[in-house]
């Protein structure tokens, strides 16, 4: 183990809404079938937020569960970082709303917008802030209400997305979940492949943008698939190289849950058996920034991650962005 100052995970939590939307439910909304969806994505069902739930509500509940898991109170938090691209509002940040909901009166709060890579980015930012010795305990949440930005007339994308949030609490000198080395990157030349075209300063909301359905997620699936398989494997291998580990030393890879075929192809590319690539996409779909923390929380709760295990988190998303981090549990 590295002798330098360590930052680790002291608590995990996840929350998904109660409403389950199955593939058979999707058949009633758009021209599709359970077989078509499962074959192409591995998804069987996803969760959908209630009408009165926003991203901050999902985030706050995941945060409460992580605080309980950590055995600390909200007043012990020095900071809250929320990774999301489906915020409650453009202003203020979702993190500030979560701070108030949790009663974390001593915490700074801000959002990170890196799409599906946001949670991994957030872990790296929090680790750096803690290592600066200015802060000790920081909550990182990845959460989305994807259903609010999904075009249910687009059969190619609407079946993929779900709502949910996951949370990790980081602390200096934590006894477990030590964050080792990481790797992050981006390629803005590919920004057009995953985009919500309107609603920002480039194309403010207007009658035309509403009629053209430009406030929903647009994705070029084939381009994203090819990029994802390549960058997922590369990102993990680069982070492992920096941490001094070999791929075969990794007990489990916890990837962004975008598509089962992507995970299968990436595992094959790295020479790993499929069971080393954690997969829960069948039950939650793609929750963007929420997938990695939800999967991490679930994996730990199920005993798939054990003390001493070396695991890797990896994500890719709109931007295009990517990131991975090696953790010694």
C-alpha atoms as a PDB file:
ATOM      1  CA  UNK A   1       0.000   0.000   0.000  1.00  0.00           C
ATOM      2  CA  UNK A   2       1.176   3.497  -0.812  1.00  0.00           C
ATOM      3  CA  UNK A   3       2.552   5.311   2.230  1.00  0.00           C
ATOM      4  CA  UNK A   4       1.257   8.727   1.135  1.00  0.00           C
ATOM      5  CA  UNK A   5      -1.784  10.299   2.753  1.00  0.00           C
ATOM      6  CA  UNK A   6      -4.906   8.304   1.913  1.00  0.00           C
ATOM      7  CA  UNK A   7      -8.459   9.284   1.068  1.00  0.00           C
ATOM      8  CA  UNK A   8     -11.102   6.593   1.394  1.00  0.00           C
ATOM      9  CA  UNK A   9     -14.824   5.912   1.319  1.00  0.00           C
ATOM     10  CA  UNK A  10     -16.550   5.785   4.705  1.00  0.00           C
ATOM     11  CA  UNK A  11     -20.146   5.517   3.526  1.00  0.00           C
ATOM     12  CA  UNK A  12     -22.257   4.544   0.525  1.00  0.00           C
ATOM     13  CA  UNK A  13     -25.924   4.974  -0.307  1.00  0.00           C
ATOM     14  CA  UNK A  14     -28.289   4.646  -3.252  1.00  0.00           C
ATOM     15  CA  UNK A  15     -31.873   5.502  -4.030  1.00  0.00           C
ATOM     16  CA  UNK A  16     -34.119   4.666  -6.971  1.00  0.00           C
ATOM     17  CA  UNK A  17     -37.756   5.769  -7.319  1.00  0.00           C
ATOM     18  CA  UNK A  18     -40.555   3.321  -6.551  1.00  0.00           C
ATOM     19  CA  UNK A  19     -42.134   3.258 -10.009  1.00  0.00           C
ATOM     20  CA  UNK A  20     -40.841   0.399 -12.159  1.00  0.00           C
ATOM     21  CA  UNK A  21     -41.215   0.779 -15.936  1.00  0.00           C
ATOM     22  CA  UNK A  22     -40.829  -2.583 -17.645  1.00  0.00           C
ATOM     23  CA  UNK A  23     -40.112  -3.250 -21.287  1.00  0.00           C
ATOM     24  CA  UNK A  24     -43.735  -4.321 -21.656  1.00  0.00           C
ATOM     25  CA  UNK A  25     -44.749  -0.888 -20.373  1.00  0.00           C
ATOM     26  CA  UNK A  26     -42.488   0.656 -23.012  1.00  0.00           C
ATOM     27  CA  UNK A  27     -44.270  -1.375 -25.698  1.00  0.00           C
ATOM     28  CA  UNK A  28     -47.402   0.660 -24.916  1.00  0.00           C
ATOM     29  CA  UNK A  29     -45.568   3.968 -25.382  1.00  0.00           C
ATOM     30  CA  UNK A  30     -43.425   3.415 -28.477  1.00  0.00           C
ATOM     31  CA  UNK A  31     -43.050   0.836 -31.233  1.00  0.00           C
ATOM     32  CA  UNK A  32     -40.662  -1.644 -29.634  1.00  0.00           C
ATOM     33  CA  UNK A  33     -40.572  -5.034 -27.935  1.00  0.00           C
ATOM     34  CA  UNK A  34     -39.079  -6.652 -24.873  1.00  0.00           C
ATOM     35  CA  UNK A  35     -36.929  -8.877 -27.102  1.00  0.00           C
ATOM     36  CA  UNK A  36     -35.633  -5.900 -29.121  1.00  0.00           C
ATOM     37  CA  UNK A  37     -34.669  -3.946 -25.994  1.00  0.00           C
ATOM     38  CA  UNK A  38     -33.039  -6.865 -24.152  1.00  0.00           C
ATOM     39  CA  UNK A  39     -31.101  -8.029 -27.207  1.00  0.00           C
ATOM     40  CA  UNK A  40     -29.671  -4.594 -27.944  1.00  0.00           C
ATOM     41  CA  UNK A  41     -29.101  -3.249 -24.431  1.00  0.00           C
ATOM     42  CA  UNK A  42     -29.641  -5.892 -21.752  1.00  0.00           C
ATOM     43  CA  UNK A  43     -32.273  -3.680 -20.093  1.00  0.00           C
ATOM     44  CA  UNK A  44     -35.448  -5.278 -18.712  1.00  0.00           C
ATOM     45  CA  UNK A  45     -36.778  -2.427 -16.601  1.00  0.00           C
ATOM     46  CA  UNK A  46     -35.947   1.015 -15.286  1.00  0.00           C
ATOM     47  CA  UNK A  47     -37.162   3.369 -12.527  1.00  0.00           C
ATOM     48  CA  UNK A  48     -39.086   6.587 -13.044  1.00  0.00           C
ATOM     49  CA  UNK A  49     -39.310   9.530 -10.645  1.00  0.00           C
ATOM     50  CA  UNK A  50     -42.709  10.548  -9.328  1.00  0.00           C
ATOM     51  CA  UNK A  51     -44.161  13.833 -10.656  1.00  0.00           C
ATOM     52  CA  UNK A  52     -43.160  15.627  -7.445  1.00  0.00           C
ATOM     53  CA  UNK A  53     -39.590  14.272  -7.436  1.00  0.00           C
ATOM     54  CA  UNK A  54     -36.650  16.174  -8.894  1.00  0.00           C
ATOM     55  CA  UNK A  55     -32.973  15.257  -9.045  1.00  0.00           C
ATOM     56  CA  UNK A  56     -32.301  16.883  -5.663  1.00  0.00           C
ATOM     57  CA  UNK A  57     -34.900  14.628  -4.016  1.00  0.00           C
ATOM     58  CA  UNK A  58     -33.205  11.490  -5.344  1.00  0.00           C
ATOM     59  CA  UNK A  59     -29.780  12.862  -4.426  1.00  0.00           C
ATOM     60  CA  UNK A  60     -30.806  13.834  -0.906  1.00  0.00           C
ATOM     61  CA  UNK A  61     -32.253  10.399  -0.149  1.00  0.00           C
ATOM     62  CA  UNK A  62     -29.089   8.679  -1.422  1.00  0.00           C
ATOM     63  CA  UNK A  63     -27.116  11.123   0.728  1.00  0.00           C
ATOM     64  CA  UNK A  64     -29.150  10.332   3.855  1.00  0.00           C
ATOM     65  CA  UNK A  65     -28.525   6.633   3.373  1.00  0.00           C
ATOM     66  CA  UNK A  66     -24.800   7.215   2.889  1.00  0.00           C
ATOM     67  CA  UNK A  67     -24.649   9.306   6.073  1.00  0.00           C
ATOM     68  CA  UNK A  68     -26.364   6.498   7.978  1.00  0.00           C
ATOM     69  CA  UNK A  69     -23.962   3.970   6.471  1.00  0.00           C
ATOM     70  CA  UNK A  70     -21.001   6.148   7.474  1.00  0.00           C
ATOM     71  CA  UNK A  71     -22.311   6.720  10.984  1.00  0.00           C
ATOM     72  CA  UNK A  72     -21.932  10.497  10.790  1.00  0.00           C
ATOM     73  CA  UNK A  73     -24.317  13.455  10.752  1.00  0.00           C
ATOM     74  CA  UNK A  74     -24.902  16.068   8.047  1.00  0.00           C
ATOM     75  CA  UNK A  75     -23.127  18.668  10.160  1.00  0.00           C
ATOM     76  CA  UNK A  76     -19.925  16.624   9.775  1.00  0.00           C
ATOM     77  CA  UNK A  77     -19.808  17.260   6.018  1.00  0.00           C
ATOM     78  CA  UNK A  78     -17.349  19.858   4.758  1.00  0.00           C
ATOM     79  CA  UNK A  79     -18.652  19.715   1.204  1.00  0.00           C
ATOM     80  CA  UNK A  80     -21.242  18.297  -1.183  1.00  0.00           C
ATOM     81  CA  UNK A  81     -20.511  17.703  -4.864  1.00  0.00           C
ATOM     82  CA  UNK A  82     -23.395  16.687  -7.114  1.00  0.00           C
ATOM     83  CA  UNK A  83     -22.717  15.211 -10.536  1.00  0.00           C
ATOM     84  CA  UNK A  84     -25.699  15.672 -12.843  1.00  0.00           C
ATOM     85  CA  UNK A  85     -26.785  17.036 -16.201  1.00  0.00           C
ATOM     86  CA  UNK A  86     -30.473  16.923 -15.241  1.00  0.00           C
ATOM     87  CA  UNK A  87     -30.402  19.548 -12.465  1.00  0.00           C
ATOM     88  CA  UNK A  88     -33.470  20.919 -10.709  1.00  0.00           C
ATOM     89  CA  UNK A  89     -32.638  24.338 -12.184  1.00  0.00           C
ATOM     90  CA  UNK A  90     -29.909  25.948 -14.267  1.00  0.00           C
ATOM     91  CA  UNK A  91     -29.407  28.118 -11.172  1.00  0.00           C
ATOM     92  CA  UNK A  92     -28.963  27.436  -8.278  1.00  0.00           C
ATOM     93  CA  UNK A  93     -26.888  24.273  -8.254  1.00  0.00           C
ATOM     94  CA  UNK A  94     -28.598  21.032  -7.288  1.00  0.00           C
ATOM     95  CA  UNK A  95     -25.904  20.556  -4.641  1.00  0.00           C
ATOM     96  CA  UNK A  96     -27.040  23.687  -2.811  1.00  0.00           C
ATOM     97  CA  UNK A  97     -30.605  22.352  -2.715  1.00  0.00           C
ATOM     98  CA  UNK A  98     -29.332  18.997  -1.433  1.00  0.00           C
ATOM     99  CA  UNK A  99     -27.270  20.775   1.225  1.00  0.00           C
ATOM    100  CA  UNK A 100     -30.441  22.418   2.531  1.00  0.00           C
ATOM    101  CA  UNK A 101     -32.486  19.197   2.367  1.00  0.00           C
ATOM    102  CA  UNK A 102     -29.837  17.345   4.383  1.00  0.00           C
ATOM    103  CA  UNK A 103     -29.222  20.168   6.859  1.00  0.00           C
ATOM    104  CA  UNK A 104     -25.503  20.110   6.069  1.00  0.00           C
ATOM    105  CA  UNK A 105     -24.991  23.654   7.312  1.00  0.00           C
ATOM    106  CA  UNK A 106     -21.180  23.459   7.346  1.00  0.00           C
ATOM    107  CA  UNK A 107     -20.785  22.201   3.779  1.00  0.00           C
ATOM    108  CA  UNK A 108     -19.839  24.029   0.596  1.00  0.00           C
ATOM    109  CA  UNK A 109     -21.839  22.828  -2.404  1.00  0.00           C
ATOM    110  CA  UNK A 110     -21.460  22.804  -6.174  1.00  0.00           C
ATOM    111  CA  UNK A 111     -22.362  20.732  -9.236  1.00  0.00           C
ATOM    112  CA  UNK A 112     -20.212  18.947 -11.806  1.00  0.00           C
ATOM    113  CA  UNK A 113     -21.482  18.585 -15.360  1.00  0.00           C
ATOM    114  CA  UNK A 114     -19.628  15.756 -17.095  1.00  0.00           C
ATOM    115  CA  UNK A 115     -22.656  13.654 -18.069  1.00  0.00           C
ATOM    116  CA  UNK A 116     -22.208   9.954 -17.278  1.00  0.00           C
ATOM    117  CA  UNK A 117     -18.587  10.483 -16.156  1.00  0.00           C
ATOM    118  CA  UNK A 118     -19.626  13.022 -13.522  1.00  0.00           C
ATOM    119  CA  UNK A 119     -19.409  10.806 -10.447  1.00  0.00           C
ATOM    120  CA  UNK A 120     -15.879   9.626 -11.270  1.00  0.00           C
ATOM    121  CA  UNK A 121     -14.879  13.242 -11.919  1.00  0.00           C
ATOM    122  CA  UNK A 122     -16.445  14.185  -8.583  1.00  0.00           C
ATOM    123  CA  UNK A 123     -14.450  11.567  -6.690  1.00  0.00           C
ATOM    124  CA  UNK A 124     -11.238  12.963  -8.137  1.00  0.00           C
ATOM    125  CA  UNK A 125     -12.152  16.543  -7.282  1.00  0.00           C
ATOM    126  CA  UNK A 126     -13.133  15.587  -3.720  1.00  0.00           C
ATOM    127  CA  UNK A 127      -9.946  13.587  -3.258  1.00  0.00           C
ATOM    128  CA  UNK A 128      -7.858  16.574  -4.326  1.00  0.00           C
ATOM    129  CA  UNK A 129      -9.687  18.910  -1.946  1.00  0.00           C
ATOM    130  CA  UNK A 130      -9.179  16.513   0.955  1.00  0.00           C
ATOM    131  CA  UNK A 131      -5.506  16.011   0.139  1.00  0.00           C
ATOM    132  CA  UNK A 132      -5.081  19.798   0.247  1.00  0.00           C
ATOM    133  CA  UNK A 133      -5.790  19.398   3.997  1.00  0.00           C
ATOM    134  CA  UNK A 134      -8.357  22.189   3.834  1.00  0.00           C
ATOM    135  CA  UNK A 135     -11.305  19.784   4.074  1.00  0.00           C
ATOM    136  CA  UNK A 136     -11.759  16.387   5.704  1.00  0.00           C
ATOM    137  CA  UNK A 137     -15.171  14.943   4.769  1.00  0.00           C
ATOM    138  CA  UNK A 138     -16.877  15.396   1.381  1.00  0.00           C
ATOM    139  CA  UNK A 139     -20.039  13.842  -0.035  1.00  0.00           C
ATOM    140  CA  UNK A 140     -20.083  13.009  -3.755  1.00  0.00           C
ATOM    141  CA  UNK A 141     -23.433  12.216  -5.379  1.00  0.00           C
ATOM    142  CA  UNK A 142     -24.237  11.091  -8.903  1.00  0.00           C
ATOM    143  CA  UNK A 143     -27.928  11.386  -9.701  1.00  0.00           C
ATOM    144  CA  UNK A 144     -30.302  12.019 -12.579  1.00  0.00           C
ATOM    145  CA  UNK A 145     -33.956  12.271 -13.505  1.00  0.00           C
ATOM    146  CA  UNK A 146     -33.368  11.145 -17.069  1.00  0.00           C
ATOM    147  CA  UNK A 147     -37.084  10.618 -17.659  1.00  0.00           C
ATOM    148  CA  UNK A 148     -37.594  14.411 -17.765  1.00  0.00           C
ATOM    149  CA  UNK A 149     -35.194  14.756 -20.708  1.00  0.00           C
ATOM    150  CA  UNK A 150     -36.084  11.586 -22.603  1.00  0.00           C
ATOM    151  CA  UNK A 151     -37.950  11.809 -25.912  1.00  0.00           C
ATOM    152  CA  UNK A 152     -40.594   9.113 -25.695  1.00  0.00           C
ATOM    153  CA  UNK A 153     -41.154   9.399 -29.443  1.00  0.00           C
ATOM    154  CA  UNK A 154     -37.581   8.248 -30.127  1.00  0.00           C
ATOM    155  CA  UNK A 155     -37.634   4.441 -29.931  1.00  0.00           C
ATOM    156  CA  UNK A 156     -33.845   4.243 -30.180  1.00  0.00           C
ATOM    157  CA  UNK A 157     -33.153   6.171 -26.966  1.00  0.00           C
ATOM    158  CA  UNK A 158     -36.269   6.259 -24.789  1.00  0.00           C
ATOM    159  CA  UNK A 159     -35.926   2.602 -23.761  1.00  0.00           C
ATOM    160  CA  UNK A 160     -32.427   3.141 -22.382  1.00  0.00           C
ATOM    161  CA  UNK A 161     -32.779   5.657 -19.584  1.00  0.00           C
ATOM    162  CA  UNK A 162     -33.853   5.496 -15.949  1.00  0.00           C
ATOM    163  CA  UNK A 163     -33.831   7.661 -12.835  1.00  0.00           C
ATOM    164  CA  UNK A 164     -31.730   7.149  -9.720  1.00  0.00           C
ATOM    165  CA  UNK A 165     -28.912   8.399  -7.498  1.00  0.00           C
ATOM    166  CA  UNK A 166     -25.918   7.018  -5.648  1.00  0.00           C
ATOM    167  CA  UNK A 167     -23.601   8.570  -3.079  1.00  0.00           C
ATOM    168  CA  UNK A 168     -20.148   8.085  -1.588  1.00  0.00           C
ATOM    169  CA  UNK A 169     -18.731   9.937   1.408  1.00  0.00           C
ATOM    170  CA  UNK A 170     -14.981  10.473   1.291  1.00  0.00           C
ATOM    171  CA  UNK A 171     -12.770  11.179   4.271  1.00  0.00           C
ATOM    172  CA  UNK A 172      -9.100  11.619   5.029  1.00  0.00           C
ATOM    173  CA  UNK A 173      -7.354   8.508   6.388  1.00  0.00           C
ATOM    174  CA  UNK A 174     -10.433   6.310   5.979  1.00  0.00           C
ATOM    175  CA  UNK A 175      -9.791   2.635   6.831  1.00  0.00           C
ATOM    176  CA  UNK A 176     -11.329   1.285   3.605  1.00  0.00           C
ATOM    177  CA  UNK A 177     -12.136   2.204   0.044  1.00  0.00           C
ATOM    178  CA  UNK A 178      -8.813   3.961  -0.505  1.00  0.00           C
ATOM    179  CA  UNK A 179      -8.776   5.958  -3.735  1.00  0.00           C
ATOM    180  CA  UNK A 180      -5.529   5.249  -5.556  1.00  0.00           C
ATOM    181  CA  UNK A 181      -4.715   6.526  -9.033  1.00  0.00           C
ATOM    182  CA  UNK A 182      -7.080   7.783 -11.698  1.00  0.00           C
ATOM    183  CA  UNK A 183      -7.334   8.784 -15.325  1.00  0.00           C
ATOM    184  CA  UNK A 184      -9.669  11.331 -16.902  1.00  0.00           C
ATOM    185  CA  UNK A 185     -10.061  12.706 -20.398  1.00  0.00           C
ATOM    186  CA  UNK A 186     -12.351  14.420 -22.866  1.00  0.00           C
ATOM    187  CA  UNK A 187     -12.815  14.985 -26.585  1.00  0.00           C
ATOM    188  CA  UNK A 188     -15.003  17.986 -27.346  1.00  0.00           C
ATOM    189  CA  UNK A 189     -14.891  17.283 -31.064  1.00  0.00           C
ATOM    190  CA  UNK A 190     -17.403  14.493 -30.363  1.00  0.00           C
ATOM    191  CA  UNK A 191     -19.813  16.676 -28.398  1.00  0.00           C
ATOM    192  CA  UNK A 192     -22.529  16.411 -31.046  1.00  0.00           C
ATOM    193  CA  UNK A 193     -22.932  12.660 -30.504  1.00  0.00           C
ATOM    194  CA  UNK A 194     -24.727  13.055 -27.141  1.00  0.00           C
ATOM    195  CA  UNK A 195     -26.452  16.386 -26.702  1.00  0.00           C
ATOM    196  CA  UNK A 196     -29.536  18.229 -25.481  1.00  0.00           C
ATOM    197  CA  UNK A 197     -29.581  20.771 -28.331  1.00  0.00           C
ATOM    198  CA  UNK A 198     -31.709  23.528 -26.761  1.00  0.00           C
ATOM    199  CA  UNK A 199     -32.262  25.170 -23.398  1.00  0.00           C
ATOM    200  CA  UNK A 200     -28.840  26.790 -22.987  1.00  0.00           C
ATOM    201  CA  UNK A 201     -27.332  30.026 -24.270  1.00  0.00           C
ATOM    202  CA  UNK A 202     -26.725  28.601 -27.761  1.00  0.00           C
ATOM    203  CA  UNK A 203     -30.413  27.903 -28.357  1.00  0.00           C
ATOM    204  CA  UNK A 204     -32.552  29.390 -25.585  1.00  0.00           C
ATOM    205  CA  UNK A 205     -36.061  27.995 -25.123  1.00  0.00           C
ATOM    206  CA  UNK A 206     -38.474  29.157 -27.784  1.00  0.00           C
ATOM    207  CA  UNK A 207     -41.633  28.066 -29.544  1.00  0.00           C
ATOM    208  CA  UNK A 208     -39.474  26.604 -32.310  1.00  0.00           C
ATOM    209  CA  UNK A 209     -37.194  24.596 -30.014  1.00  0.00           C
ATOM    210  CA  UNK A 210     -40.206  23.150 -28.239  1.00  0.00           C
ATOM    211  CA  UNK A 211     -41.936  22.197 -31.471  1.00  0.00           C
ATOM    212  CA  UNK A 212     -38.727  20.638 -32.788  1.00  0.00           C
ATOM    213  CA  UNK A 213     -38.315  18.615 -29.556  1.00  0.00           C
ATOM    214  CA  UNK A 214     -34.827  19.996 -29.036  1.00  0.00           C
ATOM    215  CA  UNK A 215     -35.011  19.895 -25.233  1.00  0.00           C
ATOM    216  CA  UNK A 216     -34.593  16.118 -25.135  1.00  0.00           C
ATOM    217  CA  UNK A 217     -31.481  13.936 -25.286  1.00  0.00           C
ATOM    218  CA  UNK A 218     -30.224  13.257 -28.781  1.00  0.00           C
ATOM    219  CA  UNK A 219     -27.717  10.431 -29.212  1.00  0.00           C
ATOM    220  CA  UNK A 220     -25.961   8.869 -32.191  1.00  0.00           C
ATOM    221  CA  UNK A 221     -25.967   5.317 -30.878  1.00  0.00           C
ATOM    222  CA  UNK A 222     -23.534   3.690 -33.294  1.00  0.00           C
ATOM    223  CA  UNK A 223     -20.867   6.355 -32.802  1.00  0.00           C
ATOM    224  CA  UNK A 224     -21.250   6.221 -29.031  1.00  0.00           C
ATOM    225  CA  UNK A 225     -21.020   2.412 -29.012  1.00  0.00           C
ATOM    226  CA  UNK A 226     -17.735   2.332 -30.924  1.00  0.00           C
ATOM    227  CA  UNK A 227     -16.262   5.089 -28.764  1.00  0.00           C
ATOM    228  CA  UNK A 228     -17.424   3.474 -25.527  1.00  0.00           C
ATOM    229  CA  UNK A 229     -15.884   0.047 -26.130  1.00  0.00           C
ATOM    230  CA  UNK A 230     -12.529   1.590 -26.988  1.00  0.00           C
ATOM    231  CA  UNK A 231     -12.390   4.207 -24.240  1.00  0.00           C
ATOM    232  CA  UNK A 232     -13.728   1.987 -21.451  1.00  0.00           C
ATOM    233  CA  UNK A 233     -10.897  -0.504 -21.853  1.00  0.00           C
ATOM    234  CA  UNK A 234      -8.275   2.203 -22.410  1.00  0.00           C
ATOM    235  CA  UNK A 235      -9.394   4.210 -19.388  1.00  0.00           C
ATOM    236  CA  UNK A 236      -9.211   1.250 -17.002  1.00  0.00           C
ATOM    237  CA  UNK A 237      -5.839   0.139 -18.332  1.00  0.00           C
ATOM    238  CA  UNK A 238      -4.408   3.650 -17.995  1.00  0.00           C
ATOM    239  CA  UNK A 239      -5.587   4.053 -14.386  1.00  0.00           C
ATOM    240  CA  UNK A 240      -4.194   0.623 -13.499  1.00  0.00           C
ATOM    241  CA  UNK A 241      -0.866   1.501 -15.096  1.00  0.00           C
ATOM    242  CA  UNK A 242      -0.660   4.623 -12.936  1.00  0.00           C
ATOM    243  CA  UNK A 243      -1.508   2.673  -9.777  1.00  0.00           C
ATOM    244  CA  UNK A 244       1.008  -0.070 -10.559  1.00  0.00           C
ATOM    245  CA  UNK A 245      -1.578  -2.825 -10.950  1.00  0.00           C
ATOM    246  CA  UNK A 246      -2.192  -5.340 -13.710  1.00  0.00           C
ATOM    247  CA  UNK A 247      -5.638  -6.054 -15.124  1.00  0.00           C
ATOM    248  CA  UNK A 248      -5.590  -9.577 -13.703  1.00  0.00           C
ATOM    249  CA  UNK A 249      -5.120  -8.146 -10.189  1.00  0.00           C
ATOM    250  CA  UNK A 250      -8.499  -6.420 -10.341  1.00  0.00           C
ATOM    251  CA  UNK A 251     -11.255  -8.237  -8.486  1.00  0.00           C
ATOM    252  CA  UNK A 252     -14.086  -6.275 -10.058  1.00  0.00           C
ATOM    253  CA  UNK A 253     -14.648  -3.482 -12.555  1.00  0.00           C
ATOM    254  CA  UNK A 254     -17.687  -1.322 -11.866  1.00  0.00           C
ATOM    255  CA  UNK A 255     -18.502   0.450 -15.129  1.00  0.00           C
ATOM    256  CA  UNK A 256     -21.036   2.972 -16.320  1.00  0.00           C
ATOM    257  CA  UNK A 257     -24.168   0.986 -17.102  1.00  0.00           C
ATOM    258  CA  UNK A 258     -24.922   2.133 -20.633  1.00  0.00           C
ATOM    259  CA  UNK A 259     -25.370  -1.068 -22.576  1.00  0.00           C
ATOM    260  CA  UNK A 260     -24.643  -4.705 -21.760  1.00  0.00           C
ATOM    261  CA  UNK A 261     -23.062  -5.284 -25.169  1.00  0.00           C
ATOM    262  CA  UNK A 262     -20.577  -2.461 -24.480  1.00  0.00           C
ATOM    263  CA  UNK A 263     -19.572  -4.058 -21.181  1.00  0.00           C
ATOM    264  CA  UNK A 264     -19.254  -7.481 -22.774  1.00  0.00           C
ATOM    265  CA  UNK A 265     -17.114  -6.137 -25.626  1.00  0.00           C
ATOM    266  CA  UNK A 266     -14.885  -4.138 -23.266  1.00  0.00           C
ATOM    267  CA  UNK A 267     -14.332  -7.160 -21.005  1.00  0.00           C
ATOM    268  CA  UNK A 268     -13.325  -9.209 -24.023  1.00  0.00           C
ATOM    269  CA  UNK A 269     -10.978  -6.445 -25.177  1.00  0.00           C
ATOM    270  CA  UNK A 270      -9.237  -6.531 -21.778  1.00  0.00           C
ATOM    271  CA  UNK A 271      -9.144 -10.327 -21.661  1.00  0.00           C
ATOM    272  CA  UNK A 272     -11.451 -10.502 -18.644  1.00  0.00           C
ATOM    273  CA  UNK A 273     -14.276 -12.943 -17.956  1.00  0.00           C
ATOM    274  CA  UNK A 274     -17.715 -11.247 -18.115  1.00  0.00           C
ATOM    275  CA  UNK A 275     -18.331 -11.817 -14.394  1.00  0.00           C
ATOM    276  CA  UNK A 276     -15.512  -9.388 -13.535  1.00  0.00           C
ATOM    277  CA  UNK A 277     -17.541  -6.594 -15.163  1.00  0.00           C
ATOM    278  CA  UNK A 278     -20.301  -5.685 -12.694  1.00  0.00           C
ATOM    279  CA  UNK A 279     -23.660  -5.387 -14.408  1.00  0.00           C
ATOM    280  CA  UNK A 280     -27.026  -4.267 -13.031  1.00  0.00           C
ATOM    281  CA  UNK A 281     -28.313  -2.503 -16.152  1.00  0.00           C
ATOM    282  CA  UNK A 282     -31.202  -4.969 -16.487  1.00  0.00           C
ATOM    283  CA  UNK A 283     -32.963  -3.436 -13.484  1.00  0.00           C
ATOM    284  CA  UNK A 284     -32.138   0.278 -13.618  1.00  0.00           C
ATOM    285  CA  UNK A 285     -31.237   1.115 -17.211  1.00  0.00           C
ATOM    286  CA  UNK A 286     -28.856   3.983 -17.875  1.00  0.00           C
ATOM    287  CA  UNK A 287     -29.070   6.508 -15.029  1.00  0.00           C
ATOM    288  CA  UNK A 288     -26.109   8.495 -16.397  1.00  0.00           C
ATOM    289  CA  UNK A 289     -24.064   9.913 -13.481  1.00  0.00           C
ATOM    290  CA  UNK A 290     -26.044   7.656 -11.151  1.00  0.00           C
ATOM    291  CA  UNK A 291     -24.961   4.323 -12.627  1.00  0.00           C
ATOM    292  CA  UNK A 292     -21.489   3.984 -11.099  1.00  0.00           C
ATOM    293  CA  UNK A 293     -22.387   4.964  -7.498  1.00  0.00           C
ATOM    294  CA  UNK A 294     -25.568   2.861  -7.613  1.00  0.00           C
ATOM    295  CA  UNK A 295     -23.603  -0.141  -8.887  1.00  0.00           C
ATOM    296  CA  UNK A 296     -20.804   0.419  -6.343  1.00  0.00           C
ATOM    297  CA  UNK A 297     -23.264   0.629  -3.451  1.00  0.00           C
ATOM    298  CA  UNK A 298     -25.111  -2.466  -4.627  1.00  0.00           C
ATOM    299  CA  UNK A 299     -21.893  -4.437  -5.183  1.00  0.00           C
ATOM    300  CA  UNK A 300     -20.656  -3.662  -1.661  1.00  0.00           C
ATOM    301  CA  UNK A 301     -24.043  -4.459  -0.096  1.00  0.00           C
ATOM    302  CA  UNK A 302     -24.161  -7.812  -1.912  1.00  0.00           C
ATOM    303  CA  UNK A 303     -20.639  -8.753  -0.812  1.00  0.00           C
ATOM    304  CA  UNK A 304     -19.228  -8.635  -4.339  1.00  0.00           C
ATOM    305  CA  UNK A 305     -16.521  -6.283  -3.020  1.00  0.00           C
ATOM    306  CA  UNK A 306     -14.500  -7.590  -0.079  1.00  0.00           C
ATOM    307  CA  UNK A 307     -11.791  -6.075   2.144  1.00  0.00           C
ATOM    308  CA  UNK A 308      -8.466  -6.002   0.323  1.00  0.00           C
ATOM    309  CA  UNK A 309     -10.030  -6.161  -3.141  1.00  0.00           C
ATOM    310  CA  UNK A 310      -8.675  -3.913  -5.874  1.00  0.00           C
ATOM    311  CA  UNK A 311     -11.551  -2.580  -7.934  1.00  0.00           C
ATOM    312  CA  UNK A 312     -11.836  -0.052 -10.745  1.00  0.00           C
ATOM    313  CA  UNK A 313     -14.631   2.400 -11.451  1.00  0.00           C
ATOM    314  CA  UNK A 314     -14.953   3.587 -15.042  1.00  0.00           C
ATOM    315  CA  UNK A 315     -17.374   5.806 -16.942  1.00  0.00           C
ATOM    316  CA  UNK A 316     -17.804   7.532 -20.279  1.00  0.00           C
ATOM    317  CA  UNK A 317     -20.400  10.012 -21.429  1.00  0.00           C
ATOM    318  CA  UNK A 318     -21.424  13.119 -23.287  1.00  0.00           C
ATOM    319  CA  UNK A 319     -18.751  15.654 -23.954  1.00  0.00           C
ATOM    320  CA  UNK A 320     -17.294  13.239 -24.798  1.00  0.00           C
ATOM    321  CA  UNK A 321     -15.839  12.547 -21.360  1.00  0.00           C
ATOM    322  CA  UNK A 322     -14.312   9.547 -19.660  1.00  0.00           C
ATOM    323  CA  UNK A 323     -12.690   8.671 -16.394  1.00  0.00           C
ATOM    324  CA  UNK A 324     -11.575   5.786 -14.213  1.00  0.00           C
ATOM    325  CA  UNK A 325     -10.245   5.357 -10.711  1.00  0.00           C
ATOM    326  CA  UNK A 326      -8.604   2.443  -8.912  1.00  0.00           C
ATOM    327  CA  UNK A 327      -9.769   1.703  -5.361  1.00  0.00           C
ATOM    328  CA  UNK A 328      -8.267  -0.609  -2.764  1.00  0.00           C
ATOM    329  CA  UNK A 329     -11.139  -1.763  -0.610  1.00  0.00           C
END
